[in-house]
């Protein structure tokens, strides 16, 4: 399963990986489609080592200005320099969020797929992503309300 999450925590893309398709084979096309869908507004992206190939690094860097794609295995001096850059480290820290989203999908409907077949599993992935997005939206709205109430409480004390 491939999950892409935005900076607010919403899942903007999910797909079932077909037989023989691995992360490094599909990511460039997925990111091209997402850049097109979001009018080239994606300015940075973080990936895990499973997406690494020299070609992917080159192609992703052409579509996205800042790419955090760690290299598998031993790093050359240039790879070491690229991966120790401040921007790389900052963007790389975002990756924990999508790992959390993947784990949370199990709590939003993917722990057991009762319908058999790839089409039904695809539907379960979409429903789990929707559930995760609803949780994220709920957290944002609750946070907003909490800040508003705190601000109102402070105002009422100072008046």
N, C-alpha and C. Protein backbone atom coordinates (compact mmCIF):
# COMPACT_ATOMS: atom_id res chain seq x y z
N UNK A 1 0.85 -1.17 0.00
CA UNK A 1 0.00 0.00 0.00
C UNK A 1 0.90 1.24 0.00
N UNK A 2 0.54 2.21 -0.79
CA UNK A 2 1.28 3.47 -0.87
C UNK A 2 0.37 4.58 -0.35
N UNK A 3 0.90 5.35 0.61
CA UNK A 3 0.15 6.45 1.22
C UNK A 3 0.97 7.72 1.05
N UNK A 4 0.31 8.81 0.63
CA UNK A 4 0.94 10.13 0.56
C UNK A 4 0.10 11.06 1.43
N UNK A 5 0.79 11.78 2.32
CA UNK A 5 0.11 12.64 3.27
C UNK A 5 0.59 14.08 3.07
N UNK A 6 -0.31 15.06 3.26
CA UNK A 6 0.09 16.46 3.14
C UNK A 6 0.62 16.97 4.49
N UNK A 7 1.03 18.23 4.52
CA UNK A 7 1.65 18.76 5.73
C UNK A 7 0.65 18.96 6.87
N UNK A 8 -0.64 18.93 6.59
CA UNK A 8 -1.64 19.05 7.65
C UNK A 8 -2.00 17.68 8.23
N UNK A 9 -1.55 16.61 7.57
CA UNK A 9 -1.82 15.26 8.06
C UNK A 9 -2.92 14.53 7.33
N UNK A 10 -3.46 15.14 6.26
CA UNK A 10 -4.50 14.49 5.49
C UNK A 10 -3.88 13.56 4.45
N UNK A 11 -4.47 12.40 4.26
CA UNK A 11 -4.03 11.47 3.22
C UNK A 11 -4.58 11.98 1.90
N UNK A 12 -3.68 12.36 0.99
CA UNK A 12 -4.10 12.92 -0.29
C UNK A 12 -4.01 11.89 -1.42
N UNK A 13 -3.34 10.77 -1.14
CA UNK A 13 -3.24 9.72 -2.15
C UNK A 13 -3.04 8.39 -1.44
N UNK A 14 -3.78 7.39 -1.86
CA UNK A 14 -3.56 6.03 -1.37
C UNK A 14 -3.79 5.08 -2.53
N UNK A 15 -2.97 4.07 -2.58
CA UNK A 15 -3.17 3.09 -3.65
C UNK A 15 -2.64 1.74 -3.22
N UNK A 16 -3.30 0.73 -3.72
CA UNK A 16 -2.87 -0.64 -3.50
C UNK A 16 -1.76 -0.93 -4.50
N UNK A 17 -0.67 -1.49 -4.01
CA UNK A 17 0.43 -1.82 -4.91
C UNK A 17 0.12 -3.16 -5.57
N UNK A 18 0.17 -3.19 -6.88
CA UNK A 18 -0.10 -4.42 -7.61
C UNK A 18 1.03 -5.41 -7.47
N UNK A 19 0.81 -6.60 -7.92
CA UNK A 19 1.83 -7.65 -7.88
C UNK A 19 3.00 -7.22 -8.76
N UNK A 20 4.20 -7.28 -8.21
CA UNK A 20 5.40 -6.91 -8.96
C UNK A 20 5.73 -5.43 -8.90
N UNK A 21 4.85 -4.62 -8.35
CA UNK A 21 5.13 -3.19 -8.22
C UNK A 21 5.69 -2.92 -6.82
N UNK A 22 6.79 -2.24 -6.80
CA UNK A 22 7.41 -1.88 -5.53
C UNK A 22 7.50 -0.36 -5.47
N UNK A 23 7.82 0.14 -4.28
CA UNK A 23 7.85 1.58 -4.04
C UNK A 23 8.65 2.34 -5.10
N UNK A 24 9.85 1.86 -5.38
CA UNK A 24 10.72 2.62 -6.28
C UNK A 24 10.23 2.64 -7.72
N UNK A 25 9.32 1.73 -8.08
CA UNK A 25 8.83 1.68 -9.45
C UNK A 25 7.67 2.64 -9.72
N UNK A 26 6.97 3.08 -8.68
CA UNK A 26 5.76 3.87 -8.90
C UNK A 26 5.83 5.31 -8.42
N UNK A 27 6.79 5.64 -7.58
CA UNK A 27 6.76 6.92 -6.88
C UNK A 27 6.89 8.14 -7.80
N UNK A 28 7.70 8.04 -8.82
CA UNK A 28 7.89 9.20 -9.71
C UNK A 28 6.58 9.55 -10.41
N UNK A 29 5.90 8.55 -10.92
CA UNK A 29 4.62 8.79 -11.61
C UNK A 29 3.57 9.33 -10.64
N UNK A 30 3.53 8.78 -9.43
CA UNK A 30 2.58 9.25 -8.42
C UNK A 30 2.85 10.72 -8.09
N UNK A 31 4.10 11.08 -7.88
CA UNK A 31 4.44 12.46 -7.52
C UNK A 31 4.19 13.41 -8.68
N UNK A 32 4.42 12.97 -9.92
CA UNK A 32 4.08 13.81 -11.08
C UNK A 32 2.59 14.11 -11.10
N UNK A 33 1.79 13.08 -10.88
CA UNK A 33 0.33 13.25 -10.86
C UNK A 33 -0.11 14.18 -9.73
N UNK A 34 0.49 14.03 -8.56
CA UNK A 34 0.13 14.89 -7.44
C UNK A 34 0.55 16.34 -7.68
N UNK A 35 1.73 16.56 -8.27
CA UNK A 35 2.16 17.93 -8.59
C UNK A 35 1.19 18.56 -9.58
N UNK A 36 0.75 17.77 -10.54
CA UNK A 36 -0.21 18.28 -11.53
C UNK A 36 -1.54 18.60 -10.86
N UNK A 37 -2.01 17.69 -10.00
CA UNK A 37 -3.29 17.88 -9.31
C UNK A 37 -3.27 19.11 -8.39
N UNK A 38 -2.13 19.38 -7.77
CA UNK A 38 -2.01 20.50 -6.83
C UNK A 38 -1.27 21.70 -7.42
N UNK A 39 -1.27 21.82 -8.74
CA UNK A 39 -0.71 22.98 -9.45
C UNK A 39 0.71 23.32 -9.01
N UNK A 40 1.56 22.32 -8.92
CA UNK A 40 2.98 22.48 -8.56
C UNK A 40 3.17 23.16 -7.21
N UNK A 41 2.25 22.95 -6.28
CA UNK A 41 2.35 23.54 -4.94
C UNK A 41 3.15 22.68 -3.97
N UNK A 42 3.52 21.46 -4.37
CA UNK A 42 4.33 20.60 -3.50
C UNK A 42 5.76 21.09 -3.58
N UNK A 43 6.25 21.63 -2.48
CA UNK A 43 7.59 22.22 -2.45
C UNK A 43 8.62 21.32 -1.80
N UNK A 44 8.18 20.33 -1.04
CA UNK A 44 9.11 19.43 -0.36
C UNK A 44 8.41 18.10 -0.11
N UNK A 45 9.20 17.02 -0.10
CA UNK A 45 8.64 15.69 0.15
C UNK A 45 9.70 14.82 0.80
N UNK A 46 9.24 13.94 1.68
CA UNK A 46 10.12 13.00 2.37
C UNK A 46 9.70 11.58 2.02
N UNK A 47 10.68 10.75 1.76
CA UNK A 47 10.45 9.36 1.39
C UNK A 47 11.32 8.47 2.27
N UNK A 48 11.00 7.17 2.32
CA UNK A 48 11.89 6.26 3.04
C UNK A 48 12.84 5.59 2.05
N UNK A 49 13.75 4.79 2.57
CA UNK A 49 14.79 4.19 1.75
C UNK A 49 14.25 3.24 0.68
N UNK A 50 13.02 2.75 0.87
CA UNK A 50 12.43 1.84 -0.10
C UNK A 50 12.20 2.49 -1.46
N UNK A 51 12.19 3.81 -1.51
CA UNK A 51 11.97 4.53 -2.77
C UNK A 51 13.27 4.86 -3.49
N UNK A 52 14.41 4.55 -2.87
CA UNK A 52 15.70 4.97 -3.39
C UNK A 52 16.10 4.26 -4.68
N UNK A 53 16.41 5.02 -5.68
CA UNK A 53 17.23 4.65 -6.84
C UNK A 53 17.85 5.97 -7.29
N UNK A 54 19.03 5.92 -7.91
CA UNK A 54 19.62 7.17 -8.40
C UNK A 54 18.70 7.89 -9.39
N UNK A 55 18.00 7.12 -10.22
CA UNK A 55 17.07 7.70 -11.20
C UNK A 55 15.91 8.40 -10.49
N UNK A 56 15.37 7.76 -9.44
CA UNK A 56 14.26 8.38 -8.70
C UNK A 56 14.70 9.69 -8.07
N UNK A 57 15.91 9.71 -7.49
CA UNK A 57 16.40 10.95 -6.88
C UNK A 57 16.47 12.05 -7.92
N UNK A 58 17.00 11.74 -9.08
CA UNK A 58 17.13 12.74 -10.15
C UNK A 58 15.76 13.21 -10.62
N UNK A 59 14.86 12.27 -10.90
CA UNK A 59 13.54 12.63 -11.44
C UNK A 59 12.68 13.36 -10.40
N UNK A 60 12.73 12.91 -9.15
CA UNK A 60 11.95 13.57 -8.10
C UNK A 60 12.48 14.98 -7.86
N UNK A 61 13.79 15.16 -7.94
CA UNK A 61 14.39 16.49 -7.75
C UNK A 61 13.99 17.45 -8.86
N UNK A 62 13.66 16.91 -10.02
CA UNK A 62 13.20 17.75 -11.13
C UNK A 62 11.74 18.20 -10.94
N UNK A 63 10.95 17.39 -10.21
CA UNK A 63 9.54 17.74 -10.03
C UNK A 63 9.29 18.48 -8.71
N UNK A 64 10.07 18.18 -7.67
CA UNK A 64 9.87 18.76 -6.35
C UNK A 64 11.16 19.48 -5.93
N UNK A 65 11.08 20.74 -5.52
CA UNK A 65 12.29 21.50 -5.18
C UNK A 65 13.15 20.88 -4.07
N UNK A 66 12.54 20.39 -2.99
CA UNK A 66 13.30 19.79 -1.88
C UNK A 66 12.86 18.34 -1.69
N UNK A 67 13.79 17.41 -1.88
CA UNK A 67 13.48 15.99 -1.77
C UNK A 67 14.36 15.36 -0.70
N UNK A 68 13.75 14.70 0.27
CA UNK A 68 14.48 13.94 1.28
C UNK A 68 14.30 12.47 0.95
N UNK A 69 15.26 11.94 0.21
CA UNK A 69 15.24 10.54 -0.21
C UNK A 69 16.56 9.90 0.23
N UNK A 70 16.55 9.23 1.39
CA UNK A 70 17.80 8.63 1.87
C UNK A 70 18.24 7.46 1.00
N UNK A 71 19.54 7.33 0.86
CA UNK A 71 20.10 6.28 0.03
C UNK A 71 20.16 4.96 0.79
N UNK A 72 19.89 3.88 0.09
CA UNK A 72 20.04 2.55 0.66
C UNK A 72 21.54 2.22 0.72
N UNK A 73 21.96 1.54 1.74
CA UNK A 73 23.34 1.05 1.81
C UNK A 73 24.37 2.14 2.08
N UNK A 74 25.58 1.87 1.63
CA UNK A 74 26.72 2.76 1.89
C UNK A 74 26.59 4.06 1.09
N UNK A 75 26.88 5.17 1.75
CA UNK A 75 26.75 6.47 1.12
C UNK A 75 28.10 6.99 0.63
N UNK A 76 28.07 7.60 -0.53
CA UNK A 76 29.27 8.28 -1.05
C UNK A 76 29.39 9.62 -0.33
N UNK A 77 30.49 10.32 -0.56
CA UNK A 77 30.70 11.62 0.08
C UNK A 77 29.60 12.61 -0.32
N UNK A 78 29.21 12.59 -1.59
CA UNK A 78 28.16 13.52 -2.04
C UNK A 78 26.80 13.17 -1.42
N UNK A 79 26.52 11.86 -1.29
CA UNK A 79 25.27 11.45 -0.64
C UNK A 79 25.28 11.82 0.84
N UNK A 80 26.43 11.65 1.48
CA UNK A 80 26.56 12.01 2.89
C UNK A 80 26.33 13.50 3.08
N UNK A 81 26.90 14.30 2.19
CA UNK A 81 26.73 15.75 2.27
C UNK A 81 25.26 16.14 2.05
N UNK A 82 24.62 15.52 1.06
CA UNK A 82 23.21 15.80 0.77
C UNK A 82 22.33 15.43 1.96
N UNK A 83 22.60 14.30 2.59
CA UNK A 83 21.75 13.83 3.68
C UNK A 83 22.01 14.52 5.01
N UNK A 84 23.14 15.20 5.14
CA UNK A 84 23.41 15.93 6.39
C UNK A 84 23.04 17.41 6.28
N UNK A 85 22.52 17.82 5.13
CA UNK A 85 22.10 19.21 4.96
C UNK A 85 20.91 19.50 5.89
N UNK A 86 20.85 20.72 6.35
CA UNK A 86 19.79 21.12 7.30
C UNK A 86 18.39 20.89 6.72
N UNK A 87 18.16 21.26 5.46
CA UNK A 87 16.84 21.10 4.84
C UNK A 87 16.44 19.63 4.78
N UNK A 88 17.40 18.77 4.44
CA UNK A 88 17.14 17.34 4.36
C UNK A 88 16.66 16.82 5.72
N UNK A 89 17.36 17.21 6.78
CA UNK A 89 17.00 16.77 8.12
C UNK A 89 15.62 17.24 8.54
N UNK A 90 15.31 18.48 8.22
CA UNK A 90 14.00 19.05 8.57
C UNK A 90 12.88 18.29 7.86
N UNK A 91 13.06 18.11 6.57
CA UNK A 91 12.04 17.42 5.77
C UNK A 91 11.94 15.95 6.17
N UNK A 92 13.06 15.35 6.48
CA UNK A 92 13.09 13.92 6.84
C UNK A 92 12.27 13.65 8.10
N UNK A 93 12.22 14.61 9.01
CA UNK A 93 11.46 14.43 10.25
C UNK A 93 9.96 14.32 9.98
N UNK A 94 9.50 14.82 8.84
CA UNK A 94 8.08 14.72 8.49
C UNK A 94 7.66 13.28 8.25
N UNK A 95 8.63 12.45 7.90
CA UNK A 95 8.30 11.09 7.47
C UNK A 95 7.60 10.27 8.55
N UNK A 96 7.88 10.57 9.80
CA UNK A 96 7.23 9.83 10.90
C UNK A 96 5.71 9.99 10.84
N UNK A 97 5.24 11.11 10.34
CA UNK A 97 3.81 11.35 10.25
C UNK A 97 3.12 10.36 9.33
N UNK A 98 3.70 10.09 8.18
CA UNK A 98 3.06 9.16 7.25
C UNK A 98 3.16 7.74 7.77
N UNK A 99 4.23 7.40 8.48
CA UNK A 99 4.33 6.07 9.09
C UNK A 99 3.22 5.91 10.13
N UNK A 100 2.94 6.97 10.86
CA UNK A 100 1.86 6.95 11.84
C UNK A 100 0.52 6.78 11.13
N UNK A 101 0.35 7.44 10.00
CA UNK A 101 -0.91 7.33 9.24
C UNK A 101 -1.11 5.90 8.74
N UNK A 102 -0.04 5.28 8.27
CA UNK A 102 -0.14 3.89 7.78
C UNK A 102 -0.56 2.98 8.93
N UNK A 103 0.06 3.17 10.09
CA UNK A 103 -0.30 2.37 11.26
C UNK A 103 -1.75 2.61 11.66
N UNK A 104 -2.19 3.86 11.61
CA UNK A 104 -3.55 4.21 12.03
C UNK A 104 -4.60 3.63 11.09
N UNK A 105 -4.24 3.34 9.86
CA UNK A 105 -5.22 2.78 8.93
C UNK A 105 -5.78 1.46 9.46
N UNK A 106 -4.98 0.73 10.21
CA UNK A 106 -5.45 -0.51 10.82
C UNK A 106 -6.57 -0.27 11.81
N UNK A 107 -6.58 0.91 12.43
CA UNK A 107 -7.62 1.25 13.39
C UNK A 107 -8.81 1.92 12.71
N UNK A 108 -8.68 2.23 11.43
CA UNK A 108 -9.75 2.90 10.68
C UNK A 108 -10.34 2.00 9.60
N UNK A 109 -10.33 0.70 9.83
CA UNK A 109 -11.01 -0.20 8.90
C UNK A 109 -10.14 -1.21 8.19
N UNK A 110 -8.82 -1.12 8.29
CA UNK A 110 -7.99 -2.06 7.55
C UNK A 110 -7.48 -3.23 8.38
N UNK A 111 -7.93 -3.37 9.62
CA UNK A 111 -7.43 -4.48 10.41
C UNK A 111 -7.91 -5.82 9.86
N UNK A 112 -9.07 -5.81 9.19
CA UNK A 112 -9.61 -7.03 8.61
C UNK A 112 -10.45 -6.66 7.40
N UNK A 113 -10.12 -7.21 6.25
CA UNK A 113 -10.89 -6.98 5.03
C UNK A 113 -11.76 -8.21 4.80
N UNK A 114 -13.04 -8.06 5.07
CA UNK A 114 -13.96 -9.20 4.97
C UNK A 114 -14.33 -9.51 3.52
N UNK A 115 -14.24 -8.54 2.64
CA UNK A 115 -14.55 -8.77 1.23
C UNK A 115 -13.28 -9.20 0.52
N UNK A 116 -13.37 -10.21 -0.29
CA UNK A 116 -12.20 -10.76 -0.97
C UNK A 116 -12.02 -10.11 -2.34
N UNK A 117 -10.78 -10.05 -2.77
CA UNK A 117 -10.47 -9.53 -4.09
C UNK A 117 -9.81 -8.16 -4.05
N UNK A 118 -9.02 -7.85 -5.08
CA UNK A 118 -8.28 -6.59 -5.11
C UNK A 118 -9.18 -5.35 -5.15
N UNK A 119 -10.31 -5.41 -5.84
CA UNK A 119 -11.21 -4.24 -5.90
C UNK A 119 -11.79 -3.93 -4.53
N UNK A 120 -12.16 -4.97 -3.81
CA UNK A 120 -12.72 -4.77 -2.47
C UNK A 120 -11.65 -4.27 -1.50
N UNK A 121 -10.43 -4.77 -1.64
CA UNK A 121 -9.35 -4.30 -0.77
C UNK A 121 -9.06 -2.83 -1.06
N UNK A 122 -9.11 -2.45 -2.33
CA UNK A 122 -8.92 -1.04 -2.72
C UNK A 122 -9.98 -0.16 -2.05
N UNK A 123 -11.21 -0.65 -2.01
CA UNK A 123 -12.29 0.08 -1.36
C UNK A 123 -12.02 0.21 0.14
N UNK A 124 -11.52 -0.84 0.77
CA UNK A 124 -11.19 -0.80 2.20
C UNK A 124 -10.08 0.21 2.47
N UNK A 125 -9.09 0.28 1.59
CA UNK A 125 -8.01 1.27 1.73
C UNK A 125 -8.60 2.68 1.67
N UNK A 126 -9.49 2.92 0.71
CA UNK A 126 -10.11 4.24 0.57
C UNK A 126 -10.94 4.59 1.80
N UNK A 127 -11.69 3.62 2.33
CA UNK A 127 -12.51 3.89 3.52
C UNK A 127 -11.62 4.16 4.74
N UNK A 128 -10.52 3.43 4.86
CA UNK A 128 -9.60 3.65 5.98
C UNK A 128 -8.94 5.02 5.86
N UNK A 129 -8.58 5.43 4.64
CA UNK A 129 -7.99 6.76 4.43
C UNK A 129 -9.01 7.84 4.76
N UNK A 130 -10.25 7.63 4.38
CA UNK A 130 -11.31 8.59 4.73
C UNK A 130 -11.47 8.68 6.25
N UNK A 131 -11.45 7.55 6.92
CA UNK A 131 -11.55 7.55 8.38
C UNK A 131 -10.39 8.29 9.02
N UNK A 132 -9.18 8.08 8.51
CA UNK A 132 -8.01 8.79 9.03
C UNK A 132 -8.15 10.30 8.79
N UNK A 133 -8.63 10.68 7.61
CA UNK A 133 -8.81 12.11 7.31
C UNK A 133 -9.87 12.74 8.21
N UNK A 134 -10.92 12.00 8.52
CA UNK A 134 -11.94 12.52 9.44
C UNK A 134 -11.36 12.72 10.84
N UNK A 135 -10.51 11.79 11.28
CA UNK A 135 -9.84 11.95 12.57
C UNK A 135 -8.95 13.19 12.56
N UNK A 136 -8.21 13.37 11.49
CA UNK A 136 -7.32 14.52 11.37
C UNK A 136 -8.12 15.82 11.39
N UNK A 137 -9.20 15.87 10.62
CA UNK A 137 -10.07 17.04 10.61
C UNK A 137 -10.63 17.31 12.00
N UNK A 138 -11.06 16.28 12.68
CA UNK A 138 -11.58 16.43 14.03
C UNK A 138 -10.55 17.02 14.97
N UNK A 139 -9.30 16.53 14.88
CA UNK A 139 -8.23 17.08 15.74
C UNK A 139 -8.00 18.56 15.46
N UNK A 140 -8.03 18.93 14.19
CA UNK A 140 -7.82 20.33 13.82
C UNK A 140 -8.95 21.20 14.36
N UNK A 141 -10.18 20.76 14.20
CA UNK A 141 -11.33 21.53 14.69
C UNK A 141 -11.35 21.63 16.22
N UNK A 142 -11.03 20.54 16.89
CA UNK A 142 -10.97 20.56 18.36
C UNK A 142 -9.88 21.50 18.84
N UNK A 143 -8.71 21.46 18.18
CA UNK A 143 -7.61 22.38 18.53
C UNK A 143 -8.03 23.84 18.34
N UNK A 144 -8.69 24.10 17.23
CA UNK A 144 -9.15 25.46 16.93
C UNK A 144 -10.12 25.94 18.01
N UNK A 145 -11.07 25.08 18.37
CA UNK A 145 -12.05 25.43 19.41
C UNK A 145 -11.36 25.63 20.76
N UNK A 146 -10.41 24.77 21.07
CA UNK A 146 -9.69 24.88 22.34
C UNK A 146 -8.93 26.21 22.42
N UNK A 147 -8.27 26.61 21.33
CA UNK A 147 -7.55 27.90 21.31
C UNK A 147 -8.53 29.07 21.45
N UNK A 148 -9.68 28.97 20.78
CA UNK A 148 -10.69 30.03 20.87
C UNK A 148 -11.20 30.16 22.30
N UNK A 149 -11.50 29.05 22.94
CA UNK A 149 -12.00 29.09 24.32
C UNK A 149 -10.94 29.64 25.28
N UNK A 150 -9.71 29.26 25.05
CA UNK A 150 -8.62 29.76 25.90
C UNK A 150 -8.49 31.27 25.75
N UNK A 151 -8.54 31.73 24.49
CA UNK A 151 -8.45 33.17 24.23
C UNK A 151 -9.63 33.90 24.86
N UNK A 152 -10.84 33.34 24.74
CA UNK A 152 -12.03 33.96 25.34
C UNK A 152 -11.93 33.99 26.87
N UNK A 153 -11.39 32.94 27.46
CA UNK A 153 -11.23 32.89 28.92
C UNK A 153 -10.24 33.96 29.39
N UNK A 154 -9.16 34.14 28.64
CA UNK A 154 -8.17 35.15 29.00
C UNK A 154 -8.79 36.54 28.86
N UNK A 155 -9.55 36.77 27.79
CA UNK A 155 -10.22 38.06 27.58
C UNK A 155 -11.19 38.36 28.72
N UNK A 156 -11.95 37.35 29.14
CA UNK A 156 -12.95 37.59 30.19
C UNK A 156 -12.27 37.89 31.53
N UNK A 157 -11.07 37.39 31.74
CA UNK A 157 -10.34 37.68 32.98
C UNK A 157 -9.74 39.09 32.98
N UNK A 158 -9.40 39.61 31.79
CA UNK A 158 -8.76 40.90 31.71
C UNK A 158 -9.73 42.05 31.56
N UNK A 159 -10.99 41.78 31.31
CA UNK A 159 -11.98 42.85 31.11
C UNK A 159 -12.49 43.40 32.39
